[in-house]
Amino acid sequence: MPHKYVLTYFDIRGLAEMARLLLADNGIPFTEKRIKTNEEWLKIKKQFSFGQIPCLKDDDVPIVQTGAIIRHLARKHNLYGRDEDDQCYADMFFEGIRDLHDKYVQLMYKDYETEGKKEQFLSTTLPLALGQLEKLLVSRQNGEQFVLGDKISFVDYALFEELDVMLILDPTTLDAFPSLKAFHKRINQRPSLKAYLDKRAADCVKVNWNGRQ
């Protein structure tokens, strides 16, 4: 029997978006519980291990922590590469994306109003991270398809979402990174993602809980 997935998260893109993209692109049915207010969240927070979301319920089994959720889906749906080498490379690439995202979160939630912090992120932190990711991307089939080469994996959804968020912060941010820019365009144009991305845009779903993006 197919798995019954329920994804619980705030009514933003945030940490759940890569899982939503994976599920939508692969035609995997899921339902959502989107939390819209802080009061609503405080009422249910104690239900979750570590008091955090996103939470993916696979049938009756709740799974929390972003990396655990996306890797669980990857294992279940053959989106983790062909062998141990692929899986190790995917994990390495994913953790690099998460490092960048942690710095982005620091900016959005803690340093945004501090003079010079946004400029420093855009001029130094972001180009350095994107350069590292571009170098990794082109190491497999010249970066002309997916992170692992010719087969899509969970990391592609994490990378696409991260690049998409950075383009909101600065629409020119990928101009110096042609392989990442072309990758973002390819994923953005996937027919299997079009309906989801169109709906996300129409609904004006915010990236962050505090509205900054």
N, C-alpha and C. Protein backbone atom coordinates (compact mmCIF):
# COMPACT_ATOMS: atom_id res chain seq x y z
N MET A 1 0.84 -1.20 0.00
CA MET A 1 0.00 0.00 0.00
C MET A 1 0.87 1.25 0.00
N PRO A 2 0.44 2.31 -0.70
CA PRO A 2 1.21 3.55 -0.67
C PRO A 2 1.22 4.17 0.72
N HIS A 3 2.28 4.88 1.01
CA HIS A 3 2.39 5.52 2.31
C HIS A 3 1.46 6.73 2.37
N LYS A 4 0.89 6.95 3.55
CA LYS A 4 0.07 8.12 3.77
C LYS A 4 0.92 9.16 4.48
N TYR A 5 1.21 10.25 3.79
CA TYR A 5 2.07 11.29 4.33
C TYR A 5 1.26 12.50 4.76
N VAL A 6 1.57 12.99 5.96
CA VAL A 6 1.01 14.25 6.45
C VAL A 6 2.18 15.11 6.92
N LEU A 7 2.30 16.29 6.33
CA LEU A 7 3.39 17.20 6.65
C LEU A 7 2.85 18.37 7.47
N THR A 8 3.40 18.55 8.65
CA THR A 8 3.00 19.64 9.54
C THR A 8 4.11 20.68 9.60
N TYR A 9 3.74 21.92 9.32
CA TYR A 9 4.73 23.01 9.37
C TYR A 9 3.97 24.34 9.40
N PHE A 10 4.72 25.40 9.62
CA PHE A 10 4.15 26.74 9.56
C PHE A 10 3.72 27.06 8.12
N ASP A 11 2.88 28.07 7.98
CA ASP A 11 2.39 28.47 6.67
C ASP A 11 3.40 29.37 5.96
N ILE A 12 4.61 28.83 5.82
CA ILE A 12 5.71 29.50 5.12
C ILE A 12 6.47 28.43 4.35
N ARG A 13 7.46 28.85 3.57
CA ARG A 13 8.30 27.89 2.87
C ARG A 13 9.28 27.25 3.85
N GLY A 14 10.17 28.05 4.40
CA GLY A 14 11.04 27.61 5.47
C GLY A 14 11.69 26.25 5.27
N LEU A 15 11.78 25.49 6.35
CA LEU A 15 12.49 24.22 6.35
C LEU A 15 11.70 23.08 5.71
N ALA A 16 10.43 23.26 5.49
CA ALA A 16 9.61 22.19 4.91
C ALA A 16 9.58 22.21 3.40
N GLU A 17 10.06 23.30 2.80
CA GLU A 17 9.81 23.48 1.36
C GLU A 17 10.52 22.45 0.50
N MET A 18 11.71 22.04 0.88
CA MET A 18 12.41 21.04 0.06
C MET A 18 11.64 19.73 0.02
N ALA A 19 11.02 19.35 1.14
CA ALA A 19 10.21 18.13 1.15
C ALA A 19 8.95 18.30 0.29
N ARG A 20 8.33 19.47 0.36
CA ARG A 20 7.16 19.73 -0.49
C ARG A 20 7.52 19.62 -1.97
N LEU A 21 8.66 20.18 -2.34
CA LEU A 21 9.10 20.12 -3.73
C LEU A 21 9.34 18.69 -4.18
N LEU A 22 10.01 17.92 -3.34
CA LEU A 22 10.27 16.52 -3.67
C LEU A 22 8.96 15.76 -3.88
N LEU A 23 8.03 15.92 -2.96
CA LEU A 23 6.76 15.20 -3.05
C LEU A 23 5.98 15.64 -4.28
N ALA A 24 5.92 16.94 -4.53
CA ALA A 24 5.16 17.45 -5.67
C ALA A 24 5.77 17.00 -6.99
N ASP A 25 7.09 17.10 -7.11
CA ASP A 25 7.76 16.78 -8.37
C ASP A 25 7.63 15.31 -8.73
N ASN A 26 7.56 14.46 -7.72
CA ASN A 26 7.49 13.02 -7.96
C ASN A 26 6.08 12.47 -7.89
N GLY A 27 5.10 13.36 -7.83
CA GLY A 27 3.71 12.93 -7.84
C GLY A 27 3.33 12.07 -6.65
N ILE A 28 3.94 12.34 -5.50
CA ILE A 28 3.68 11.56 -4.29
C ILE A 28 2.60 12.27 -3.49
N PRO A 29 1.45 11.65 -3.28
CA PRO A 29 0.36 12.32 -2.56
C PRO A 29 0.74 12.62 -1.11
N PHE A 30 0.34 13.78 -0.64
CA PHE A 30 0.53 14.13 0.76
C PHE A 30 -0.49 15.18 1.14
N THR A 31 -0.78 15.26 2.41
CA THR A 31 -1.63 16.32 2.92
C THR A 31 -0.81 17.18 3.87
N GLU A 32 -1.32 18.37 4.13
CA GLU A 32 -0.58 19.31 4.96
C GLU A 32 -1.44 19.86 6.10
N LYS A 33 -0.76 20.14 7.19
CA LYS A 33 -1.32 20.93 8.27
C LYS A 33 -0.43 22.17 8.40
N ARG A 34 -0.94 23.31 7.95
CA ARG A 34 -0.16 24.54 7.97
C ARG A 34 -0.58 25.40 9.15
N ILE A 35 0.37 25.68 10.01
CA ILE A 35 0.12 26.45 11.22
C ILE A 35 0.25 27.93 10.89
N LYS A 36 -0.79 28.69 11.18
CA LYS A 36 -0.84 30.08 10.73
C LYS A 36 -0.55 31.10 11.82
N THR A 37 -0.65 30.72 13.09
CA THR A 37 -0.42 31.70 14.16
C THR A 37 0.48 31.10 15.24
N ASN A 38 1.13 31.99 15.98
CA ASN A 38 1.98 31.53 17.08
C ASN A 38 1.16 30.87 18.17
N GLU A 39 -0.06 31.36 18.38
CA GLU A 39 -0.93 30.77 19.40
C GLU A 39 -1.27 29.32 19.04
N GLU A 40 -1.56 29.10 17.78
CA GLU A 40 -1.86 27.74 17.31
C GLU A 40 -0.65 26.83 17.52
N TRP A 41 0.55 27.35 17.24
CA TRP A 41 1.76 26.55 17.40
C TRP A 41 2.01 26.19 18.86
N LEU A 42 1.84 27.15 19.76
CA LEU A 42 2.11 26.89 21.18
C LEU A 42 1.18 25.81 21.75
N LYS A 43 -0.01 25.70 21.20
CA LYS A 43 -0.97 24.69 21.67
C LYS A 43 -0.53 23.27 21.33
N ILE A 44 0.24 23.11 20.25
CA ILE A 44 0.58 21.76 19.80
C ILE A 44 2.08 21.45 19.92
N LYS A 45 2.88 22.42 20.32
CA LYS A 45 4.33 22.28 20.31
C LYS A 45 4.81 21.05 21.07
N LYS A 46 4.20 20.75 22.19
CA LYS A 46 4.66 19.64 23.03
C LYS A 46 4.43 18.28 22.40
N GLN A 47 3.64 18.23 21.34
CA GLN A 47 3.38 16.95 20.68
C GLN A 47 4.61 16.42 19.94
N PHE A 48 5.56 17.31 19.62
CA PHE A 48 6.65 16.95 18.72
C PHE A 48 7.95 16.74 19.47
N SER A 49 8.66 15.69 19.08
CA SER A 49 10.00 15.47 19.63
C SER A 49 10.83 16.72 19.40
N PHE A 50 11.56 17.14 20.41
CA PHE A 50 12.41 18.33 20.38
C PHE A 50 11.60 19.62 20.32
N GLY A 51 10.26 19.54 20.32
CA GLY A 51 9.43 20.74 20.26
C GLY A 51 9.63 21.54 18.99
N GLN A 52 9.87 20.83 17.87
CA GLN A 52 10.17 21.50 16.61
C GLN A 52 9.38 20.88 15.47
N ILE A 53 9.17 21.68 14.44
CA ILE A 53 8.67 21.21 13.17
C ILE A 53 9.58 21.76 12.08
N PRO A 54 9.58 21.15 10.88
CA PRO A 54 8.55 20.29 10.32
C PRO A 54 8.50 18.91 10.94
N CYS A 55 7.34 18.29 10.77
CA CYS A 55 7.12 16.90 11.14
C CYS A 55 6.42 16.21 9.97
N LEU A 56 6.97 15.10 9.55
CA LEU A 56 6.34 14.28 8.53
C LEU A 56 5.81 13.02 9.20
N LYS A 57 4.51 12.80 9.07
CA LYS A 57 3.94 11.55 9.57
C LYS A 57 3.83 10.59 8.40
N ASP A 58 4.54 9.49 8.49
CA ASP A 58 4.50 8.43 7.49
C ASP A 58 3.61 7.32 8.05
N ASP A 59 2.38 7.27 7.53
CA ASP A 59 1.35 6.45 8.16
C ASP A 59 1.22 6.91 9.62
N ASP A 60 1.58 6.08 10.58
CA ASP A 60 1.44 6.48 11.99
C ASP A 60 2.77 6.85 12.63
N VAL A 61 3.83 6.93 11.85
CA VAL A 61 5.16 7.18 12.40
C VAL A 61 5.55 8.65 12.19
N PRO A 62 5.71 9.44 13.27
CA PRO A 62 6.12 10.84 13.12
C PRO A 62 7.64 10.95 12.99
N ILE A 63 8.09 11.76 12.04
CA ILE A 63 9.51 11.98 11.81
C ILE A 63 9.76 13.48 11.87
N VAL A 64 10.70 13.89 12.71
CA VAL A 64 11.07 15.30 12.80
C VAL A 64 12.54 15.47 12.43
N GLN A 65 12.95 16.72 12.31
CA GLN A 65 14.27 17.15 11.86
C GLN A 65 14.32 17.12 10.33
N THR A 66 14.67 18.27 9.77
CA THR A 66 14.61 18.47 8.32
C THR A 66 15.41 17.42 7.56
N GLY A 67 16.66 17.20 7.98
CA GLY A 67 17.50 16.23 7.29
C GLY A 67 16.97 14.82 7.36
N ALA A 68 16.42 14.45 8.51
CA ALA A 68 15.84 13.11 8.66
C ALA A 68 14.64 12.93 7.74
N ILE A 69 13.81 13.96 7.64
CA ILE A 69 12.61 13.89 6.79
C ILE A 69 12.99 13.72 5.32
N ILE A 70 13.88 14.56 4.83
CA ILE A 70 14.20 14.53 3.40
C ILE A 70 14.94 13.25 3.03
N ARG A 71 15.79 12.76 3.93
CA ARG A 71 16.51 11.51 3.65
C ARG A 71 15.57 10.31 3.72
N HIS A 72 14.62 10.35 4.63
CA HIS A 72 13.62 9.28 4.71
C HIS A 72 12.85 9.18 3.40
N LEU A 73 12.40 10.32 2.90
CA LEU A 73 11.67 10.32 1.63
C LEU A 73 12.58 9.85 0.49
N ALA A 74 13.84 10.25 0.52
CA ALA A 74 14.77 9.84 -0.53
C ALA A 74 14.97 8.33 -0.54
N ARG A 75 15.11 7.73 0.64
CA ARG A 75 15.28 6.27 0.70
C ARG A 75 14.02 5.56 0.22
N LYS A 76 12.87 6.06 0.62
CA LYS A 76 11.60 5.41 0.28
C LYS A 76 11.30 5.47 -1.21
N HIS A 77 11.77 6.52 -1.89
CA HIS A 77 11.34 6.76 -3.26
C HIS A 77 12.50 6.80 -4.25
N ASN A 78 13.58 6.13 -3.90
CA ASN A 78 14.72 5.96 -4.82
C ASN A 78 15.27 7.29 -5.30
N LEU A 79 15.47 8.19 -4.35
CA LEU A 79 16.00 9.52 -4.66
C LEU A 79 17.28 9.80 -3.87
N TYR A 80 18.07 8.73 -3.66
CA TYR A 80 19.29 8.83 -2.85
C TYR A 80 20.51 8.34 -3.63
N GLY A 81 20.41 8.30 -4.94
CA GLY A 81 21.54 7.85 -5.74
C GLY A 81 21.56 6.35 -5.92
N ARG A 82 22.59 5.87 -6.61
CA ARG A 82 22.67 4.47 -7.00
C ARG A 82 23.43 3.61 -6.00
N ASP A 83 24.36 4.21 -5.26
CA ASP A 83 25.24 3.41 -4.41
C ASP A 83 25.74 4.25 -3.24
N GLU A 84 26.62 3.65 -2.46
CA GLU A 84 27.15 4.32 -1.27
C GLU A 84 27.93 5.59 -1.64
N ASP A 85 28.65 5.55 -2.75
CA ASP A 85 29.39 6.75 -3.17
C ASP A 85 28.44 7.91 -3.47
N ASP A 86 27.35 7.61 -4.18
CA ASP A 86 26.35 8.64 -4.45
C ASP A 86 25.76 9.19 -3.16
N GLN A 87 25.45 8.30 -2.23
CA GLN A 87 24.81 8.72 -0.98
C GLN A 87 25.74 9.60 -0.15
N CYS A 88 27.02 9.23 -0.12
CA CYS A 88 28.00 10.05 0.62
C CYS A 88 28.14 11.43 -0.01
N TYR A 89 28.21 11.47 -1.34
CA TYR A 89 28.32 12.74 -2.05
C TYR A 89 27.07 13.59 -1.83
N ALA A 90 25.90 12.95 -1.90
CA ALA A 90 24.64 13.67 -1.67
C ALA A 90 24.61 14.26 -0.27
N ASP A 91 25.02 13.48 0.71
CA ASP A 91 25.04 13.97 2.09
C ASP A 91 25.99 15.15 2.24
N MET A 92 27.16 15.05 1.62
CA MET A 92 28.15 16.14 1.70
C MET A 92 27.59 17.42 1.09
N PHE A 93 27.00 17.29 -0.09
CA PHE A 93 26.43 18.45 -0.78
C PHE A 93 25.30 19.05 0.05
N PHE A 94 24.43 18.20 0.59
CA PHE A 94 23.30 18.66 1.39
C PHE A 94 23.78 19.44 2.61
N GLU A 95 24.80 18.93 3.29
CA GLU A 95 25.29 19.62 4.48
C GLU A 95 25.90 20.97 4.12
N GLY A 96 26.50 21.08 2.94
CA GLY A 96 27.00 22.38 2.49
C GLY A 96 25.87 23.37 2.28
N ILE A 97 24.77 22.90 1.71
CA ILE A 97 23.59 23.75 1.55
C ILE A 97 23.05 24.19 2.90
N ARG A 98 23.01 23.27 3.85
CA ARG A 98 22.51 23.59 5.18
C ARG A 98 23.40 24.61 5.88
N ASP A 99 24.71 24.53 5.66
CA ASP A 99 25.61 25.52 6.24
C ASP A 99 25.26 26.93 5.74
N LEU A 100 25.02 27.03 4.44
CA LEU A 100 24.62 28.33 3.89
C LEU A 100 23.29 28.77 4.46
N HIS A 101 22.36 27.85 4.58
CA HIS A 101 21.04 28.23 5.08
C HIS A 101 21.09 28.70 6.53
N ASP A 102 21.94 28.06 7.32
CA ASP A 102 22.09 28.50 8.71
C ASP A 102 22.56 29.96 8.77
N LYS A 103 23.46 30.33 7.87
CA LYS A 103 23.94 31.72 7.85
C LYS A 103 22.85 32.67 7.37
N TYR A 104 22.04 32.20 6.43
CA TYR A 104 20.90 32.99 5.96
C TYR A 104 19.90 33.22 7.10
N VAL A 105 19.61 32.18 7.86
CA VAL A 105 18.69 32.29 8.99
C VAL A 105 19.23 33.27 10.04
N GLN A 106 20.52 33.20 10.29
CA GLN A 106 21.14 34.15 11.23
C GLN A 106 20.89 35.58 10.77
N LEU A 107 21.03 35.82 9.47
CA LEU A 107 20.79 37.16 8.94
C LEU A 107 19.33 37.55 9.06
N MET A 108 18.43 36.68 8.66
CA MET A 108 17.01 37.01 8.61
C MET A 108 16.40 37.21 10.00
N TYR A 109 16.83 36.43 10.96
CA TYR A 109 16.17 36.44 12.26
C TYR A 109 16.95 37.19 13.35
N LYS A 110 18.25 37.43 13.13
CA LYS A 110 19.03 38.06 14.20
C LYS A 110 19.78 39.32 13.76
N ASP A 111 20.33 39.31 12.55
CA ASP A 111 21.24 40.38 12.15
C ASP A 111 20.68 41.35 11.12
N TYR A 112 19.43 41.16 10.73
CA TYR A 112 18.89 41.91 9.59
C TYR A 112 18.91 43.42 9.81
N GLU A 113 18.65 43.83 11.05
CA GLU A 113 18.59 45.27 11.35
C GLU A 113 19.95 45.84 11.73
N THR A 114 20.96 44.98 11.81
CA THR A 114 22.30 45.45 12.18
C THR A 114 22.99 46.04 10.96
N GLU A 115 23.46 47.25 11.08
CA GLU A 115 24.04 47.95 9.94
C GLU A 115 25.20 47.15 9.34
N GLY A 116 25.15 46.97 8.05
CA GLY A 116 26.23 46.32 7.33
C GLY A 116 26.14 44.82 7.23
N LYS A 117 25.27 44.18 8.02
CA LYS A 117 25.23 42.72 8.04
C LYS A 117 24.68 42.14 6.74
N LYS A 118 23.61 42.74 6.21
CA LYS A 118 23.06 42.24 4.96
C LYS A 118 24.07 42.42 3.83
N GLU A 119 24.70 43.57 3.79
CA GLU A 119 25.69 43.86 2.75
C GLU A 119 26.87 42.88 2.84
N GLN A 120 27.28 42.58 4.07
CA GLN A 120 28.38 41.63 4.26
C GLN A 120 27.99 40.23 3.79
N PHE A 121 26.75 39.83 4.08
CA PHE A 121 26.27 38.53 3.64
C PHE A 121 26.28 38.45 2.11
N LEU A 122 25.78 39.49 1.45
CA LEU A 122 25.66 39.47 -0.01
C LEU A 122 27.02 39.61 -0.71
N SER A 123 27.93 40.32 -0.09
CA SER A 123 29.21 40.59 -0.76
C SER A 123 30.27 39.55 -0.45
N THR A 124 30.14 38.86 0.70
CA THR A 124 31.21 37.95 1.13
C THR A 124 30.71 36.53 1.40
N THR A 125 29.78 36.40 2.34
CA THR A 125 29.33 35.07 2.76
C THR A 125 28.68 34.31 1.62
N LEU A 126 27.74 34.94 0.94
CA LEU A 126 26.99 34.26 -0.12
C LEU A 126 27.86 33.90 -1.32
N PRO A 127 28.65 34.81 -1.87
CA PRO A 127 29.50 34.42 -3.01
C PRO A 127 30.46 33.29 -2.69
N LEU A 128 31.01 33.28 -1.48
CA LEU A 128 31.92 32.19 -1.09
C LEU A 128 31.19 30.86 -1.09
N ALA A 129 30.01 30.81 -0.49
CA ALA A 129 29.24 29.57 -0.42
C ALA A 129 28.79 29.12 -1.81
N LEU A 130 28.33 30.05 -2.61
CA LEU A 130 27.87 29.70 -3.97
C LEU A 130 29.03 29.20 -4.82
N GLY A 131 30.19 29.78 -4.65
CA GLY A 131 31.36 29.30 -5.38
C GLY A 131 31.71 27.87 -5.02
N GLN A 132 31.59 27.53 -3.75
CA GLN A 132 31.85 26.17 -3.31
C GLN A 132 30.82 25.19 -3.88
N LEU A 133 29.56 25.59 -3.87
CA LEU A 133 28.51 24.73 -4.40
C LEU A 133 28.63 24.57 -5.91
N GLU A 134 28.99 25.65 -6.61
CA GLU A 134 29.17 25.56 -8.06
C GLU A 134 30.30 24.60 -8.41
N LYS A 135 31.39 24.68 -7.67
CA LYS A 135 32.53 23.79 -7.91
C LYS A 135 32.13 22.33 -7.74
N LEU A 136 31.35 22.05 -6.71
CA LEU A 136 30.86 20.68 -6.50
C LEU A 136 29.91 20.27 -7.62
N LEU A 137 29.01 21.16 -7.99
CA LEU A 137 28.01 20.82 -9.00
C LEU A 137 28.66 20.42 -10.32
N VAL A 138 29.66 21.16 -10.76
CA VAL A 138 30.28 20.88 -12.06
C VAL A 138 31.21 19.67 -12.02
N SER A 139 31.43 19.11 -10.84
CA SER A 139 32.32 17.95 -10.74
C SER A 139 31.66 16.67 -11.26
N ARG A 140 30.35 16.72 -11.47
CA ARG A 140 29.64 15.56 -12.03
C ARG A 140 28.92 15.97 -13.31
N GLN A 141 29.36 15.37 -14.42
CA GLN A 141 28.78 15.65 -15.74
C GLN A 141 28.72 17.15 -16.03
N ASN A 142 29.74 17.84 -15.55
CA ASN A 142 29.89 19.28 -15.79
C ASN A 142 28.71 20.09 -15.27
N GLY A 143 27.96 19.53 -14.34
CA GLY A 143 26.85 20.25 -13.73
C GLY A 143 25.70 20.52 -14.68
N GLU A 144 25.60 19.73 -15.75
CA GLU A 144 24.60 20.01 -16.78
C GLU A 144 23.26 19.33 -16.54
N GLN A 145 23.17 18.49 -15.50
CA GLN A 145 21.89 17.84 -15.21
C GLN A 145 21.51 18.03 -13.74
N PHE A 146 21.92 17.07 -12.89
CA PHE A 146 21.55 17.14 -11.48
C PHE A 146 22.81 17.03 -10.62
N VAL A 147 22.64 17.17 -9.32
CA VAL A 147 23.76 17.12 -8.41
C VAL A 147 24.53 15.81 -8.54
N LEU A 148 23.81 14.69 -8.67
CA LEU A 148 24.47 13.39 -8.77
C LEU A 148 24.78 12.99 -10.21
N GLY A 149 24.51 13.84 -11.14
CA GLY A 149 24.76 13.51 -12.54
C GLY A 149 23.46 13.45 -13.32
N ASP A 150 23.13 12.24 -13.79
CA ASP A 150 21.95 12.12 -14.67
C ASP A 150 20.69 11.70 -13.93
N LYS A 151 20.76 11.55 -12.61
CA LYS A 151 19.59 11.09 -11.85
C LYS A 151 19.26 12.08 -10.74
N ILE A 152 18.03 12.53 -10.71
CA ILE A 152 17.62 13.49 -9.69
C ILE A 152 17.62 12.84 -8.32
N SER A 153 17.91 13.64 -7.30
CA SER A 153 17.94 13.14 -5.92
C SER A 153 17.38 14.21 -4.99
N PHE A 154 17.29 13.86 -3.73
CA PHE A 154 16.74 14.79 -2.74
C PHE A 154 17.54 16.09 -2.66
N VAL A 155 18.84 16.02 -2.96
CA VAL A 155 19.69 17.20 -2.84
C VAL A 155 19.30 18.26 -3.86
N ASP A 156 18.80 17.84 -5.01
CA ASP A 156 18.41 18.82 -6.03
C ASP A 156 17.29 19.73 -5.53
N TYR A 157 16.39 19.19 -4.75
CA TYR A 157 15.29 20.01 -4.23
C TYR A 157 15.80 20.98 -3.16
N ALA A 158 16.74 20.52 -2.35
CA ALA A 158 17.33 21.40 -1.35
C ALA A 158 18.11 22.53 -2.01
N LEU A 159 18.88 22.18 -3.05
CA LEU A 159 19.67 23.19 -3.74
C LEU A 159 18.78 24.19 -4.48
N PHE A 160 17.78 23.69 -5.17
CA PHE A 160 16.88 24.60 -5.89
C PHE A 160 16.22 25.59 -4.95
N GLU A 161 15.70 25.10 -3.82
CA GLU A 161 15.02 25.98 -2.89
C GLU A 161 15.98 27.02 -2.32
N GLU A 162 17.20 26.59 -1.98
CA GLU A 162 18.17 27.53 -1.43
C GLU A 162 18.51 28.62 -2.45
N LEU A 163 18.72 28.23 -3.69
CA LEU A 163 19.02 29.22 -4.73
C LEU A 163 17.83 30.14 -4.96
N ASP A 164 16.64 29.59 -4.93
CA ASP A 164 15.45 30.39 -5.14
C ASP A 164 15.29 31.45 -4.06
N VAL A 165 15.56 31.06 -2.84
CA VAL A 165 15.48 32.00 -1.71
C VAL A 165 16.54 33.10 -1.85
N MET A 166 17.75 32.72 -2.26
CA MET A 166 18.80 33.72 -2.42
C MET A 166 18.48 34.70 -3.55
N LEU A 167 17.79 34.23 -4.58
CA LEU A 167 17.39 35.11 -5.67
C LEU A 167 16.33 36.11 -5.23
N ILE A 168 15.53 35.75 -4.25
CA ILE A 168 14.58 36.70 -3.69
C ILE A 168 15.34 37.80 -2.93
N LEU A 169 16.36 37.38 -2.20
CA LEU A 169 17.16 38.33 -1.44
C LEU A 169 17.93 39.28 -2.38
N ASP A 170 18.43 38.72 -3.49
CA ASP A 170 19.16 39.52 -4.47
C ASP A 170 19.01 38.86 -5.84
N PRO A 171 18.21 39.43 -6.73
CA PRO A 171 17.95 38.81 -8.04
C PRO A 171 19.18 38.62 -8.92
N THR A 172 20.29 39.28 -8.59
CA THR A 172 21.51 39.15 -9.40
C THR A 172 22.50 38.15 -8.81
N THR A 173 22.12 37.48 -7.75
CA THR A 173 23.11 36.71 -6.98
C THR A 173 23.72 35.55 -7.74
N LEU A 174 23.04 35.02 -8.76
CA LEU A 174 23.58 33.88 -9.50
C LEU A 174 24.29 34.28 -10.79
N ASP A 175 24.36 35.57 -11.07
CA ASP A 175 24.94 36.01 -12.33
C ASP A 175 26.40 35.58 -12.48
N ALA A 176 27.11 35.46 -11.37
CA ALA A 176 28.53 35.07 -11.41
C ALA A 176 28.72 33.56 -11.33
N PHE A 177 27.61 32.82 -11.30
CA PHE A 177 27.69 31.37 -11.14
C PHE A 177 26.81 30.69 -12.19
N PRO A 178 27.32 30.60 -13.42
CA PRO A 178 26.48 30.15 -14.54
C PRO A 178 25.92 28.74 -14.39
N SER A 179 26.66 27.84 -13.78
CA SER A 179 26.15 26.47 -13.64
C SER A 179 25.01 26.41 -12.64
N LEU A 180 25.12 27.13 -11.54
CA LEU A 180 24.03 27.18 -10.57
C LEU A 180 22.82 27.88 -11.17
N LYS A 181 23.06 28.93 -11.94
CA LYS A 181 21.96 29.67 -12.56
C LYS A 181 21.21 28.78 -13.55
N ALA A 182 21.94 28.02 -14.36
CA ALA A 182 21.31 27.12 -15.32
C ALA A 182 20.58 25.99 -14.61
N PHE A 183 21.15 25.49 -13.51
CA PHE A 183 20.49 24.45 -12.72
C PHE A 183 19.16 24.95 -12.18
N HIS A 184 19.16 26.14 -11.62
CA HIS A 184 17.93 26.71 -11.07
C HIS A 184 16.87 26.83 -12.15
N LYS A 185 17.27 27.28 -13.31
CA LYS A 185 16.32 27.44 -14.42
C LYS A 185 15.75 26.10 -14.85
N ARG A 186 16.59 25.05 -14.92
CA ARG A 186 16.13 23.71 -15.33
C ARG A 186 15.08 23.16 -14.36
N ILE A 187 15.38 23.28 -13.07
CA ILE A 187 14.43 22.74 -12.08
C ILE A 187 13.14 23.56 -12.09
N ASN A 188 13.28 24.85 -12.21
CA ASN A 188 12.12 25.74 -12.22
C ASN A 188 11.18 25.45 -13.39
N GLN A 189 11.72 24.90 -14.46
CA GLN A 189 10.93 24.64 -15.66
C GLN A 189 10.45 23.19 -15.77
N ARG A 190 10.66 22.39 -14.76
CA ARG A 190 10.19 21.00 -14.82
C ARG A 190 8.66 20.97 -14.87
N PRO A 191 8.10 20.31 -15.88
CA PRO A 191 6.63 20.26 -16.00
C PRO A 191 5.95 19.68 -14.77
N SER A 192 6.62 18.74 -14.11
CA SER A 192 6.03 18.09 -12.94
C SER A 192 5.98 19.01 -11.72
N LEU A 193 6.70 20.13 -11.78
CA LEU A 193 6.69 21.09 -10.66
C LEU A 193 5.84 22.32 -10.95
N LYS A 194 5.46 22.50 -12.19
CA LYS A 194 4.82 23.75 -12.61
C LYS A 194 3.58 24.09 -11.78
N ALA A 195 2.68 23.10 -11.60
CA ALA A 195 1.43 23.38 -10.88
C ALA A 195 1.72 23.80 -9.45
N TYR A 196 2.67 23.12 -8.81
CA TYR A 196 3.00 23.47 -7.43
C TYR A 196 3.61 24.86 -7.34
N LEU A 197 4.58 25.15 -8.20
CA LEU A 197 5.25 26.46 -8.16
C LEU A 197 4.30 27.58 -8.51
N ASP A 198 3.39 27.34 -9.47
CA ASP A 198 2.39 28.35 -9.82
C ASP A 198 1.47 28.65 -8.64
N LYS A 199 1.06 27.61 -7.95
CA LYS A 199 0.17 27.80 -6.79
C LYS A 199 0.90 28.52 -5.67
N ARG A 200 2.16 28.16 -5.46
CA ARG A 200 2.94 28.83 -4.41
C ARG A 200 3.04 30.32 -4.69
N ALA A 201 3.30 30.65 -5.94
CA ALA A 201 3.40 32.07 -6.31
C ALA A 201 2.06 32.78 -6.16
N ALA A 202 0.98 32.12 -6.59
CA ALA A 202 -0.35 32.73 -6.50
C ALA A 202 -0.76 32.96 -5.05
N ASP A 203 -0.36 32.04 -4.18
CA ASP A 203 -0.71 32.14 -2.76
C ASP A 203 0.21 33.09 -2.00
N CYS A 204 1.27 33.57 -2.65
CA CYS A 204 2.24 34.49 -2.03
C CYS A 204 2.78 33.93 -0.71
N VAL A 205 3.18 32.67 -0.75
CA VAL A 205 3.70 32.03 0.46
C VAL A 205 5.04 32.66 0.83
N LYS A 206 5.15 33.11 2.06
CA LYS A 206 6.37 33.77 2.52
C LYS A 206 7.47 32.75 2.77
N VAL A 207 8.70 33.21 2.71
CA VAL A 207 9.84 32.35 2.98
C VAL A 207 10.02 32.14 4.47
N ASN A 208 9.93 33.23 5.24
CA ASN A 208 10.25 33.18 6.67
C ASN A 208 9.06 33.60 7.53
N TRP A 209 9.05 33.11 8.74
CA TRP A 209 7.97 33.36 9.68
C TRP A 209 7.84 34.84 10.01
N ASN A 210 8.96 35.57 10.05
CA ASN A 210 8.91 37.00 10.39
C ASN A 210 8.62 37.89 9.19
N GLY A 211 8.39 37.28 8.02
CA GLY A 211 8.02 38.04 6.84
C GLY A 211 9.18 38.60 6.04
N ARG A 212 10.41 38.53 6.59
CA ARG A 212 11.55 39.02 5.84
C ARG A 212 11.95 38.01 4.77
N GLN A 213 12.37 38.53 3.62
CA GLN A 213 12.85 37.66 2.56
C GLN A 213 13.61 38.46 1.52
